[in-house]
């Protein structure tokens, strides 16, 4: 009984590997990542600056107090 000879390479390895991105693509991807990172950092910094300013902090505290009072009244 002759057993059917199987190919050494599995079906999966026959798939062509996807080609590496071209230099231009790499550059654009890199630029996009960098700009996104920069945007995020700017937003974070802005948020921190606002949070640390006294006036804003006081306003937030006052608003919380108002909310609490309203909740207690209900």
C-alpha atoms as a PDB file:
ATOM      1  CA  UNK A   1       0.000   0.000   0.000  1.00  0.00           C
ATOM      2  CA  UNK A   2       1.708   3.139  -1.234  1.00  0.00           C
ATOM      3  CA  UNK A   3       1.155   6.033   1.106  1.00  0.00           C
ATOM      4  CA  UNK A   4       0.486   9.351  -0.547  1.00  0.00           C
ATOM      5  CA  UNK A   5       3.592  11.499  -0.450  1.00  0.00           C
ATOM      6  CA  UNK A   6       2.933  14.825   1.236  1.00  0.00           C
ATOM      7  CA  UNK A   7       4.789  17.960   0.320  1.00  0.00           C
ATOM      8  CA  UNK A   8       7.235  19.123   2.949  1.00  0.00           C
ATOM      9  CA  UNK A   9       5.988  22.702   2.947  1.00  0.00           C
ATOM     10  CA  UNK A  10       2.638  23.243   4.621  1.00  0.00           C
ATOM     11  CA  UNK A  11      -0.095  25.141   2.856  1.00  0.00           C
ATOM     12  CA  UNK A  12       0.483  28.152   5.056  1.00  0.00           C
ATOM     13  CA  UNK A  13       4.103  28.656   4.166  1.00  0.00           C
ATOM     14  CA  UNK A  14       3.187  28.768   0.494  1.00  0.00           C
ATOM     15  CA  UNK A  15       1.510  32.123   0.949  1.00  0.00           C
ATOM     16  CA  UNK A  16       3.668  34.922  -0.351  1.00  0.00           C
ATOM     17  CA  UNK A  17       5.098  37.105   2.336  1.00  0.00           C
ATOM     18  CA  UNK A  18       3.799  40.648   2.171  1.00  0.00           C
ATOM     19  CA  UNK A  19       6.497  42.940   0.827  1.00  0.00           C
ATOM     20  CA  UNK A  20       8.069  45.390   3.234  1.00  0.00           C
ATOM     21  CA  UNK A  21       6.767  48.944   2.962  1.00  0.00           C
ATOM     22  CA  UNK A  22       8.720  51.179   0.640  1.00  0.00           C
ATOM     23  CA  UNK A  23      10.974  53.897   1.995  1.00  0.00           C
ATOM     24  CA  UNK A  24       8.402  56.558   1.161  1.00  0.00           C
ATOM     25  CA  UNK A  25       5.669  54.695   3.030  1.00  0.00           C
ATOM     26  CA  UNK A  26       7.950  54.283   6.022  1.00  0.00           C
ATOM     27  CA  UNK A  27       8.642  58.005   6.093  1.00  0.00           C
ATOM     28  CA  UNK A  28       4.955  58.941   5.863  1.00  0.00           C
ATOM     29  CA  UNK A  29       4.000  56.473   8.600  1.00  0.00           C
ATOM     30  CA  UNK A  30       6.758  57.833  10.806  1.00  0.00           C
ATOM     31  CA  UNK A  31       5.644  61.410  10.213  1.00  0.00           C
ATOM     32  CA  UNK A  32       2.028  60.568  10.983  1.00  0.00           C
ATOM     33  CA  UNK A  33       3.019  58.866  14.228  1.00  0.00           C
ATOM     34  CA  UNK A  34       5.191  61.771  15.276  1.00  0.00           C
ATOM     35  CA  UNK A  35       2.538  64.382  14.585  1.00  0.00           C
ATOM     36  CA  UNK A  36      -0.062  62.356  16.490  1.00  0.00           C
ATOM     37  CA  UNK A  37       2.301  62.018  19.426  1.00  0.00           C
ATOM     38  CA  UNK A  38       2.982  65.747  19.366  1.00  0.00           C
ATOM     39  CA  UNK A  39      -0.741  66.548  19.326  1.00  0.00           C
ATOM     40  CA  UNK A  40      -1.370  64.289  22.288  1.00  0.00           C
ATOM     41  CA  UNK A  41       1.484  65.813  24.267  1.00  0.00           C
ATOM     42  CA  UNK A  42       0.214  69.318  23.566  1.00  0.00           C
ATOM     43  CA  UNK A  43      -3.288  68.399  24.698  1.00  0.00           C
ATOM     44  CA  UNK A  44      -1.949  66.776  27.848  1.00  0.00           C
ATOM     45  CA  UNK A  45       0.209  69.775  28.670  1.00  0.00           C
ATOM     46  CA  UNK A  46      -2.706  72.134  28.112  1.00  0.00           C
ATOM     47  CA  UNK A  47      -4.889  70.036  30.399  1.00  0.00           C
ATOM     48  CA  UNK A  48      -2.261  70.024  33.119  1.00  0.00           C
ATOM     49  CA  UNK A  49      -1.828  73.798  32.865  1.00  0.00           C
ATOM     50  CA  UNK A  50      -5.558  74.361  33.208  1.00  0.00           C
ATOM     51  CA  UNK A  51      -5.812  71.920  36.076  1.00  0.00           C
ATOM     52  CA  UNK A  52      -3.031  73.666  37.969  1.00  0.00           C
ATOM     53  CA  UNK A  53      -4.411  77.186  37.607  1.00  0.00           C
ATOM     54  CA  UNK A  54      -6.024  78.214  40.887  1.00  0.00           C
ATOM     55  CA  UNK A  55      -9.057  79.949  39.418  1.00  0.00           C
ATOM     56  CA  UNK A  56     -10.062  76.868  37.478  1.00  0.00           C
ATOM     57  CA  UNK A  57      -9.500  74.621  40.472  1.00  0.00           C
ATOM     58  CA  UNK A  58     -11.686  76.833  42.651  1.00  0.00           C
ATOM     59  CA  UNK A  59     -14.407  76.876  40.031  1.00  0.00           C
ATOM     60  CA  UNK A  60     -14.360  73.081  39.786  1.00  0.00           C
ATOM     61  CA  UNK A  61     -14.593  72.772  43.569  1.00  0.00           C
ATOM     62  CA  UNK A  62     -17.491  75.244  43.692  1.00  0.00           C
ATOM     63  CA  UNK A  63     -19.324  73.361  40.942  1.00  0.00           C
ATOM     64  CA  UNK A  64     -18.876  70.103  42.833  1.00  0.00           C
ATOM     65  CA  UNK A  65     -20.272  71.735  45.961  1.00  0.00           C
ATOM     66  CA  UNK A  66     -23.316  72.956  44.048  1.00  0.00           C
ATOM     67  CA  UNK A  67     -23.844  69.491  42.603  1.00  0.00           C
ATOM     68  CA  UNK A  68     -23.626  67.944  46.064  1.00  0.00           C
ATOM     69  CA  UNK A  69     -26.105  70.411  47.531  1.00  0.00           C
ATOM     70  CA  UNK A  70     -28.509  69.756  44.697  1.00  0.00           C
ATOM     71  CA  UNK A  71     -28.159  66.003  45.200  1.00  0.00           C
ATOM     72  CA  UNK A  72     -28.727  66.342  48.946  1.00  0.00           C
ATOM     73  CA  UNK A  73     -31.851  68.415  48.424  1.00  0.00           C
ATOM     74  CA  UNK A  74     -33.438  65.675  46.316  1.00  0.00           C
END
